[in-house]
Structures are given as structure tokens and as C-alpha cells.
Amino acid sequence: MSTHEPIADRDRSPAPTGADTPSRSAAVSAPACPRAGAAGPASAGVVSATLGDSPAGSVIERESGRAPEPESGRAPEPESEPCPVPEPARDSRVSTAPGLPGGTGAGAAGADQAGAEQEPGTGPAPAGAPDDEADEEAEGSGRWARDLLLLVGICLLTLLLVNAFVARPFAVPSGSMENTLMPGDRLVANKLAYAFGGHVRRGDVVVFDGTGSFLPESAAPRGAAGALRALGQDLGLAPADVTVYVKRVIGVGGDRITSPGPDGPLTVNGVPLDESSYLRLGDAPSSVAFDIVVPAGKLWVMGDHRNASRDSRDHLGEPGGGFVPEDKVIGRADWVVFPVGHWTSLDRPAPFAALGGTGGHGDQG
């Protein structure tokens, strides 16, 4: 007879005959609180532990806070430490309202919500933006002023160079060249016409400085005032001096010019000159008789309105004899540019071509 006692149940009654030893589930009530990084919070309510293959109804229900009955021969299992109630989750983000450093709480949440409702690109302007815009406007204004001054300087320099070396405008002050030029007409003198070894030709209308020929040398302005006036004239900003004239060239150096007076035409090197194409209607070629030979490098000039022109004829017998030095010619008058109704080119009249080969600067055809 064996002395080993069968396994006893909790009430000390023997286990049913033929029953296997029940396996006890490893599940326990109220598991330990999760450590940092655990999957989730533990439940504080009722925890069920099932016995592996126990029959129905062998489920032990254990309520929270109720100590379990100890089993025979077993020490009571230590009850797990209840989980502390977690504090409400806090958002790790810190929102700062504009102008309130470190703002949190309801004000910060309101600022976040306001920022979320604004459209992209339409948020409040950062502090100091008006000052930046003012600085940009000031810088833009300064740049615009510098560009304007630079443009004006370039224009003035270009105008000075053009007037000094290419072309220069002049106003016609009198009617001595009617009907070719009328008082008030603006003409352009071509300063390149004789620049590259060319010579003045018979029939050209020229603008020249009459100092030393039509006027004494003392008539020329001198000093700083004269220099400033000359600069203004070169720029076309000041009217020409009273020493500047516009006339038609009748003879060049070496030509012999004669006039019988009001009863006959002029002759150049013995060839009668037909002036009907430009001489003002009703005017005689010359009311004064003369017979002269033009010195080398000089010019004999006359106006187209002979009865109203003071030209080379009026200075016969004076020291200059009325002859204009070629180096006093400013340019050849090629165009009338104002008024619009007088626009025209001042072409050389055809009758002067008939005088070619008769003297002067070689072939004047």
C-alpha cells in the first residue's frame, strides 16, 4: 500500500480518479506595469486566467484588489503593483505666437490654428519689413537718379562730338539768302564735307566765321565768357555769334570774277554764269561792277538775295578785300530741317558744272 497521497484540490478533497493533472496557465492577473518602450498600458480591471485543459467553469475570475486564496503547498503569488494613472499626453511642440516669445498653452494653440487657416504666402509680414521696403525704394531711387545723370552725360557728350566733328545746326538770321533760305530756317552744316582733303567748290552754300574778312579780329569774343559761348554753340544750345554767316560760293582761289554792273551777268574765268535757278526773282546779279582775282586759299561769296545781302562786294578795298579764308569755313549747308514745310537739300546748281576746268582748285565740274 502506497503512502503517497493524491493531489488535493483547494478544499482538500481528492482529485477525481483518472483525471490528469491540470496544467496551470502562465497568465496572471494584473501584469506588471509596462516599462519604457512597452507596447501599451495595462488594464486595471478584471483579468482572466484560464487553466489549459480544465473543463468549462474552471475559469478563475479575480477582481482587482481581492487577494487570491492560496493553494495547498504553494505560497501566494505576489500581487503585481498597480499601474500608475498616466498623465494626459502633452504635445512636444512649442508654439510661439508672433511677438510673444516662448508662448504656450491656449494662446499658442490659437496662434497655431490662426496660422493653419491662413493661405500660403499670405502670412503676417515679419517685423522690420516696412523698413526693408523703404531701404529698397531709396536704393532704387538712387540708382534711377544715377542712371539718369549718366544718360544725360552720354547724350551731351555725343551731341558735343557730333557738333564738333560731324554736323552742326544753325538758324538763318536774315533774308540775305532768299529764296533759298528764309529767315528762321534751321539748317545743318556738314562739317565732314571738306574734312578729308576736299575743297570748297563753286556753288556750295557754306557757313563760315567772318572774323578777319567781313569783320575785324577784335570783334571775336574773348576770355572765359567767349569760351563758354563757343561751347554752347558747339552743343547747339546757344545761337551763333554775329560773326557767323551763310553765303553761296561764287569763286575759289585762282578764279577771276567780273561784273559789268546791273546790266549783265557775272562771268567766272570768262564764262557767263546762269544764276536764274537760285537768284531771287527781280534781283540783278550785281548792282556793283567789279573785276577781281581770288587769292589762293580764299573764297568769293555772295548772297542769293543780292539786293539785301552784304557780302564780298561790300568789303572791296578793305584789308581783307572781302575774301573769306577757307579755314574759316565751318561746314557746307546741306539740309534745311525746320520748319517742316521747308525741308529740302541744298544741292549744288547745275550751271556751276559748266565752269569745270576753268581754274581754281583744278577741275570744279
Protein backbone atom coordinates (compact mmCIF):
# COMPACT_ATOMS: atom_id res chain seq x y z
CA MET A 1 0.00 0.00 0.00
CA SER A 2 1.43 3.32 -1.06
CA THR A 3 1.80 6.12 1.39
CA HIS A 4 1.76 8.84 -1.35
CA GLU A 5 -1.30 11.00 -1.09
CA PRO A 6 -3.07 12.07 -4.22
CA ILE A 7 -3.09 15.64 -5.28
CA ALA A 8 -5.62 17.52 -3.22
CA ASP A 9 -7.83 20.32 -4.52
CA ARG A 10 -8.28 23.60 -2.76
CA ASP A 11 -10.95 22.11 -0.38
CA ARG A 12 -8.71 19.23 0.47
CA SER A 13 -10.89 16.80 -1.42
CA PRO A 14 -9.13 14.26 -3.51
CA ALA A 15 -8.89 14.77 -7.22
CA PRO A 16 -11.20 12.80 -9.42
CA THR A 17 -9.90 9.37 -10.28
CA GLY A 18 -8.44 9.10 -13.75
CA ALA A 19 -8.13 12.83 -14.19
CA ASP A 20 -4.85 14.17 -15.43
CA THR A 21 -3.04 16.75 -13.53
CA PRO A 22 -4.40 20.04 -14.82
CA SER A 23 -1.89 22.37 -16.37
CA ARG A 24 -1.88 25.77 -14.87
CA SER A 25 -1.88 28.74 -17.24
CA ALA A 26 1.02 31.14 -17.04
CA ALA A 27 -1.36 34.06 -17.32
CA VAL A 28 -1.63 36.03 -14.15
CA SER A 29 -3.88 38.80 -13.04
CA ALA A 30 -2.75 42.41 -13.32
CA PRO A 31 0.50 42.01 -15.20
CA ALA A 32 3.40 44.25 -14.27
CA CYS A 33 3.27 47.81 -15.48
CA PRO A 34 4.97 48.27 -18.81
CA ARG A 35 8.44 49.72 -18.74
CA ALA A 36 9.63 52.47 -21.02
CA GLY A 37 9.08 51.35 -24.56
CA ALA A 38 6.35 48.76 -23.71
CA ALA A 39 3.59 48.17 -26.21
CA GLY A 40 0.72 49.73 -24.33
CA PRO A 41 -0.93 50.48 -20.95
CA ALA A 42 -2.01 47.58 -18.66
CA SER A 43 -5.66 47.13 -17.90
CA ALA A 44 -6.70 47.75 -14.26
CA GLY A 45 -9.99 45.82 -14.49
CA VAL A 46 -10.83 42.15 -14.31
CA VAL A 47 -8.11 39.77 -15.57
CA SER A 48 -8.98 36.22 -16.59
CA ALA A 49 -6.62 33.28 -16.40
CA THR A 50 -7.70 30.00 -17.93
CA LEU A 51 -6.43 26.68 -16.97
CA GLY A 52 -5.12 24.87 -20.00
CA ASP A 53 -7.38 21.86 -20.43
CA SER A 54 -9.71 22.40 -17.46
CA PRO A 55 -13.36 21.79 -18.03
CA ALA A 56 -15.84 24.57 -18.53
CA GLY A 57 -16.40 26.54 -15.43
CA SER A 58 -12.85 26.18 -14.19
CA VAL A 59 -12.08 29.71 -15.11
CA ILE A 60 -10.84 31.68 -12.17
CA GLU A 61 -12.01 35.27 -12.09
CA ARG A 62 -10.04 37.60 -9.97
CA GLU A 63 -11.18 41.07 -9.22
CA SER A 64 -8.86 43.93 -8.75
CA GLY A 65 -7.93 44.41 -5.09
CA ARG A 66 -9.07 40.97 -3.97
CA ALA A 67 -6.34 38.67 -2.68
CA PRO A 68 -6.37 35.16 -4.16
CA GLU A 69 -6.78 32.08 -1.98
CA PRO A 70 -3.51 30.23 -1.52
CA GLU A 71 -3.21 26.83 -2.99
CA SER A 72 -2.19 23.86 -0.98
CA GLY A 73 1.51 23.68 -0.63
CA ARG A 74 2.07 26.92 -2.56
CA ALA A 75 2.96 30.33 -1.38
CA PRO A 76 0.60 33.03 -2.52
CA GLU A 77 1.73 34.71 -5.69
CA PRO A 78 2.81 38.27 -5.17
CA GLU A 79 0.29 40.69 -6.46
CA SER A 80 1.51 42.94 -9.21
CA GLU A 81 1.97 46.56 -8.47
CA PRO A 82 -0.92 48.57 -9.86
CA CYS A 83 -0.08 50.84 -12.78
CA PRO A 84 0.04 54.49 -12.04
CA VAL A 85 -2.54 56.55 -13.82
CA PRO A 86 -0.77 58.13 -16.79
CA GLU A 87 -0.82 61.87 -17.06
CA PRO A 88 -2.53 63.41 -20.08
CA ALA A 89 -0.27 63.32 -23.10
CA ARG A 90 1.47 66.58 -23.79
CA ASP A 91 2.31 67.79 -27.25
CA SER A 92 6.06 68.07 -27.56
CA ARG A 93 5.71 71.01 -29.94
CA VAL A 94 6.03 74.53 -28.60
CA SER A 95 4.12 77.17 -30.49
CA THR A 96 5.18 80.74 -30.25
CA ALA A 97 2.68 83.42 -31.09
CA PRO A 98 4.05 86.26 -33.23
CA GLY A 99 5.65 88.84 -30.99
CA LEU A 100 5.30 86.60 -27.82
CA PRO A 101 8.50 84.64 -27.27
CA GLY A 102 8.00 81.21 -25.82
CA GLY A 103 4.21 81.40 -25.88
CA THR A 104 2.44 78.13 -24.97
CA GLY A 105 -0.92 76.86 -23.88
CA ALA A 106 -4.21 78.20 -25.19
CA GLY A 107 -2.63 81.29 -26.72
CA ALA A 108 -0.10 79.16 -28.57
CA ALA A 109 -2.79 76.79 -29.78
CA GLY A 110 -4.81 79.75 -31.04
CA ALA A 111 -1.78 81.06 -32.89
CA ASP A 112 -1.25 77.61 -34.47
CA GLN A 113 -4.88 77.49 -35.55
CA ALA A 114 -4.73 81.03 -36.98
CA GLY A 115 -1.56 80.16 -38.87
CA ALA A 116 -3.20 77.00 -40.23
CA GLU A 117 -6.20 78.94 -41.52
CA GLN A 118 -4.10 81.48 -43.42
CA GLU A 119 -3.47 80.90 -47.06
CA PRO A 120 0.07 80.03 -48.16
CA GLY A 121 2.18 83.09 -48.84
CA THR A 122 -0.24 85.45 -47.03
CA GLY A 123 1.15 85.19 -43.50
CA PRO A 124 1.88 88.27 -41.44
CA ALA A 125 4.85 90.29 -42.62
CA PRO A 126 7.94 89.82 -40.46
CA ALA A 127 8.96 92.60 -38.16
CA GLY A 128 11.07 95.21 -39.93
CA ALA A 129 9.65 94.51 -43.45
CA PRO A 130 8.45 98.14 -43.96
CA ASP A 131 11.96 99.37 -43.20
CA ASP A 132 13.42 96.89 -45.70
CA GLU A 133 10.96 98.02 -48.36
CA ALA A 134 11.81 101.67 -47.66
CA ASP A 135 15.51 100.91 -47.99
CA GLU A 136 14.90 99.10 -51.27
CA GLU A 137 12.84 102.04 -52.59
CA ALA A 138 15.54 104.51 -51.58
CA GLU A 139 18.19 102.37 -53.23
CA GLY A 140 16.08 102.09 -56.39
CA SER A 141 15.55 105.87 -56.48
CA GLY A 142 19.29 106.48 -56.09
CA ARG A 143 20.08 104.01 -58.85
CA TRP A 144 17.48 105.65 -61.12
CA ALA A 145 18.98 109.10 -60.48
CA ARG A 146 22.49 107.83 -61.24
CA ASP A 147 21.29 106.19 -64.44
CA LEU A 148 19.53 109.41 -65.48
CA LEU A 149 22.63 111.51 -64.87
CA LEU A 150 24.72 109.01 -66.78
CA LEU A 151 22.28 109.07 -69.69
CA VAL A 152 22.25 112.88 -69.76
CA GLY A 153 26.04 112.94 -69.67
CA ILE A 154 26.29 110.46 -72.54
CA CYS A 155 23.78 112.47 -74.59
CA LEU A 156 25.65 115.74 -74.02
CA LEU A 157 28.98 114.14 -74.86
CA THR A 158 27.54 112.59 -78.02
CA LEU A 159 25.98 115.90 -79.03
CA LEU A 160 29.27 117.71 -78.45
CA LEU A 161 31.21 115.22 -80.54
CA VAL A 162 28.66 115.29 -83.35
CA ASN A 163 28.52 119.08 -83.42
CA ALA A 164 32.29 119.41 -83.22
CA PHE A 165 33.21 116.90 -85.91
CA VAL A 166 30.16 115.81 -87.92
CA ALA A 167 27.32 118.29 -88.25
CA ARG A 168 26.05 121.41 -86.56
CA PRO A 169 22.69 123.19 -86.68
CA PHE A 170 22.33 126.89 -87.41
CA ALA A 171 19.47 129.35 -87.59
CA VAL A 172 19.20 131.70 -90.55
CA PRO A 173 19.07 135.23 -89.10
CA SER A 174 18.25 137.32 -92.17
CA GLY A 175 16.83 137.28 -95.67
CA SER A 176 20.16 137.65 -97.50
CA MET A 177 19.78 134.12 -98.96
CA GLU A 178 16.13 134.31 -100.06
CA ASN A 179 14.54 132.40 -101.64
CA THR A 180 16.93 129.52 -100.99
CA LEU A 181 16.91 130.13 -97.22
CA MET A 182 14.22 132.04 -95.36
CA PRO A 183 14.67 133.91 -92.06
CA GLY A 184 14.14 131.48 -89.17
CA ASP A 185 15.03 128.36 -91.15
CA ARG A 186 17.18 125.80 -89.35
CA LEU A 187 19.89 124.27 -91.46
CA VAL A 188 22.50 121.62 -90.78
CA ALA A 189 26.10 122.30 -91.76
CA ASN A 190 28.03 119.20 -92.83
CA LYS A 191 31.44 119.50 -91.19
CA LEU A 192 32.81 116.40 -92.88
CA ALA A 193 32.24 117.77 -96.41
CA TYR A 194 35.81 119.11 -96.61
CA ALA A 195 37.42 117.07 -93.82
CA PHE A 196 39.46 114.55 -95.81
CA GLY A 197 41.36 116.65 -98.30
CA GLY A 198 38.26 118.04 -100.00
CA HIS A 199 37.97 121.63 -101.15
CA VAL A 200 35.11 124.05 -101.26
CA ARG A 201 33.53 124.10 -104.70
CA ARG A 202 31.80 126.86 -106.64
CA GLY A 203 28.08 126.87 -105.98
CA ASP A 204 28.30 125.44 -102.44
CA VAL A 205 26.32 127.17 -99.70
CA VAL A 206 28.71 127.49 -96.77
CA VAL A 207 28.57 128.59 -93.14
CA PHE A 208 31.70 130.49 -92.11
CA ASP A 209 33.20 132.74 -89.47
CA GLY A 210 33.56 136.22 -90.92
CA THR A 211 36.15 137.36 -88.38
CA GLY A 212 39.13 138.77 -90.28
CA SER A 213 37.22 139.08 -93.56
CA PHE A 214 33.79 140.56 -93.03
CA LEU A 215 34.62 141.77 -89.51
CA PRO A 216 37.86 142.82 -87.78
CA GLU A 217 39.56 140.33 -85.49
CA SER A 218 38.68 142.39 -82.41
CA ALA A 219 35.02 141.55 -82.94
CA ALA A 220 35.57 137.97 -81.79
CA PRO A 221 34.53 137.32 -78.15
CA ARG A 222 37.43 136.60 -75.82
CA GLY A 223 38.04 135.26 -72.32
CA ALA A 224 36.05 132.75 -70.29
CA ALA A 225 32.73 134.15 -71.50
CA GLY A 226 33.78 133.66 -75.10
CA ALA A 227 34.91 130.08 -74.40
CA LEU A 228 31.62 129.22 -72.69
CA ARG A 229 29.66 130.78 -75.52
CA ALA A 230 31.67 128.83 -78.08
CA LEU A 231 30.99 125.61 -76.14
CA GLY A 232 27.27 126.35 -76.10
CA GLN A 233 27.35 127.00 -79.84
CA ASP A 234 29.17 123.72 -80.46
CA LEU A 235 26.45 121.93 -78.49
CA GLY A 236 23.75 123.77 -80.39
CA LEU A 237 22.48 125.27 -77.12
CA ALA A 238 23.41 128.87 -77.91
CA PRO A 239 22.77 130.92 -81.03
CA ALA A 240 25.63 131.56 -83.39
CA ASP A 241 27.71 134.67 -82.98
CA VAL A 242 27.09 137.70 -85.15
CA THR A 243 30.37 136.79 -86.80
CA VAL A 244 28.85 133.64 -88.40
CA TYR A 245 27.45 133.98 -91.95
CA VAL A 246 25.86 131.81 -94.58
CA LYS A 247 26.53 132.60 -98.27
CA ARG A 248 26.96 130.97 -101.66
CA VAL A 249 30.47 130.47 -103.08
CA ILE A 250 30.87 132.12 -106.48
CA GLY A 251 34.65 131.80 -106.91
CA VAL A 252 37.54 129.89 -105.35
CA GLY A 253 41.27 130.53 -105.19
CA GLY A 254 42.65 131.40 -108.66
CA ASP A 255 39.28 132.36 -110.22
CA ARG A 256 38.74 135.68 -111.98
CA ILE A 257 35.27 137.09 -111.39
CA THR A 258 33.91 140.11 -113.21
CA SER A 259 30.63 142.02 -113.16
CA PRO A 260 29.62 144.75 -115.59
CA GLY A 261 27.05 146.04 -113.10
CA PRO A 262 23.27 145.66 -113.16
CA ASP A 263 23.15 145.26 -116.94
CA GLY A 264 24.89 141.91 -117.34
CA PRO A 265 25.61 138.54 -115.73
CA LEU A 266 28.66 137.60 -113.73
CA THR A 267 31.47 135.86 -115.52
CA VAL A 268 33.84 133.32 -113.92
CA ASN A 269 37.09 132.84 -115.82
CA GLY A 270 35.38 134.39 -118.86
CA VAL A 271 32.35 132.08 -118.75
CA PRO A 272 28.94 133.72 -118.12
CA LEU A 273 27.17 132.29 -115.08
CA ASP A 274 23.45 131.46 -115.30
CA GLU A 275 22.01 132.22 -111.83
CA SER A 276 18.33 132.05 -112.65
CA SER A 277 17.79 128.83 -110.66
CA TYR A 278 18.64 130.38 -107.29
CA LEU A 279 18.81 134.17 -107.68
CA ARG A 280 15.79 135.89 -106.16
CA LEU A 281 13.32 136.99 -108.81
CA GLY A 282 13.80 140.65 -109.70
CA ASP A 283 17.35 140.93 -108.39
CA ALA A 284 20.26 141.76 -110.70
CA PRO A 285 23.41 139.62 -110.43
CA SER A 286 25.20 142.63 -109.00
CA SER A 287 24.43 146.30 -108.82
CA VAL A 288 28.16 146.97 -108.39
CA ALA A 289 30.74 146.48 -111.14
CA PHE A 290 33.96 144.75 -110.14
CA ASP A 291 36.80 142.65 -111.53
CA ILE A 292 38.79 140.58 -109.02
CA VAL A 293 41.06 137.53 -108.81
CA VAL A 294 40.52 135.31 -105.79
CA PRO A 295 43.76 134.65 -103.86
CA ALA A 296 44.77 131.05 -103.23
CA GLY A 297 43.09 129.56 -100.19
CA LYS A 298 40.36 132.22 -100.25
CA LEU A 299 36.72 132.36 -101.38
CA TRP A 300 34.45 134.92 -103.02
CA VAL A 301 30.92 134.65 -101.61
CA MET A 302 27.60 136.35 -102.37
CA GLY A 303 24.00 136.09 -101.15
CA ASP A 304 21.14 134.85 -103.34
CA HIS A 305 19.10 137.95 -102.47
CA ARG A 306 21.63 140.31 -104.00
CA ASN A 307 19.73 143.50 -103.26
CA ALA A 308 19.63 142.67 -99.49
CA SER A 309 22.97 140.93 -98.99
CA ARG A 310 26.13 142.35 -97.52
CA ASP A 311 28.78 140.03 -98.93
CA SER A 312 32.24 140.09 -100.51
CA ARG A 313 31.28 143.06 -102.68
CA ASP A 314 30.78 145.27 -99.61
CA HIS A 315 34.36 144.76 -98.38
CA LEU A 316 36.28 145.59 -101.53
CA GLY A 317 39.21 147.88 -100.67
CA GLU A 318 39.30 146.72 -97.02
CA PRO A 319 42.36 144.91 -95.60
CA GLY A 320 40.71 141.52 -96.17
CA GLY A 321 39.34 142.57 -99.54
CA GLY A 322 36.13 140.64 -98.79
CA PHE A 323 37.83 137.29 -99.38
CA VAL A 324 36.98 134.54 -96.88
CA PRO A 325 39.78 132.15 -95.85
CA GLU A 326 38.86 128.54 -96.49
CA ASP A 327 39.91 127.56 -92.99
CA LYS A 328 37.16 129.82 -91.62
CA VAL A 329 34.50 127.63 -93.21
CA ILE A 330 32.56 125.77 -90.52
CA GLY A 331 30.73 123.45 -92.88
CA ARG A 332 28.66 123.06 -96.01
CA ALA A 333 24.94 123.73 -95.61
CA ASP A 334 23.36 120.53 -96.89
CA TRP A 335 19.85 120.37 -95.40
CA VAL A 336 17.04 122.58 -94.18
CA VAL A 337 15.43 120.70 -91.30
CA PHE A 338 12.96 123.24 -89.90
CA PRO A 339 10.20 124.22 -90.38
CA VAL A 340 8.68 121.07 -91.79
CA GLY A 341 7.35 122.85 -94.87
CA HIS A 342 10.89 123.95 -95.80
CA TRP A 343 12.54 120.56 -95.64
CA THR A 344 14.95 120.37 -98.54
CA SER A 345 18.50 119.53 -99.53
CA LEU A 346 20.75 122.32 -100.73
CA ASP A 347 22.15 120.82 -103.90
CA ARG A 348 24.80 122.48 -105.99
CA PRO A 349 23.19 124.23 -109.00
CA ALA A 350 23.92 122.67 -112.39
CA PRO A 351 25.29 125.85 -114.07
CA PHE A 352 28.43 125.68 -111.93
CA ALA A 353 29.35 122.39 -113.57
CA ALA A 354 29.88 124.31 -116.82
CA LEU A 355 32.77 126.14 -115.17
CA GLY A 356 34.77 122.95 -114.69
CA GLY A 357 38.38 123.07 -115.77
CA THR A 358 38.47 126.85 -115.95
CA GLY A 359 40.74 127.45 -112.95
CA GLY A 360 40.51 127.38 -109.20
CA HIS A 361 41.04 124.06 -107.38
CA GLY A 362 41.62 122.12 -110.59
CA ASP A 363 38.51 120.51 -112.04
CA GLN A 364 35.46 122.14 -110.42
CA GLY A 365 32.95 120.21 -112.53
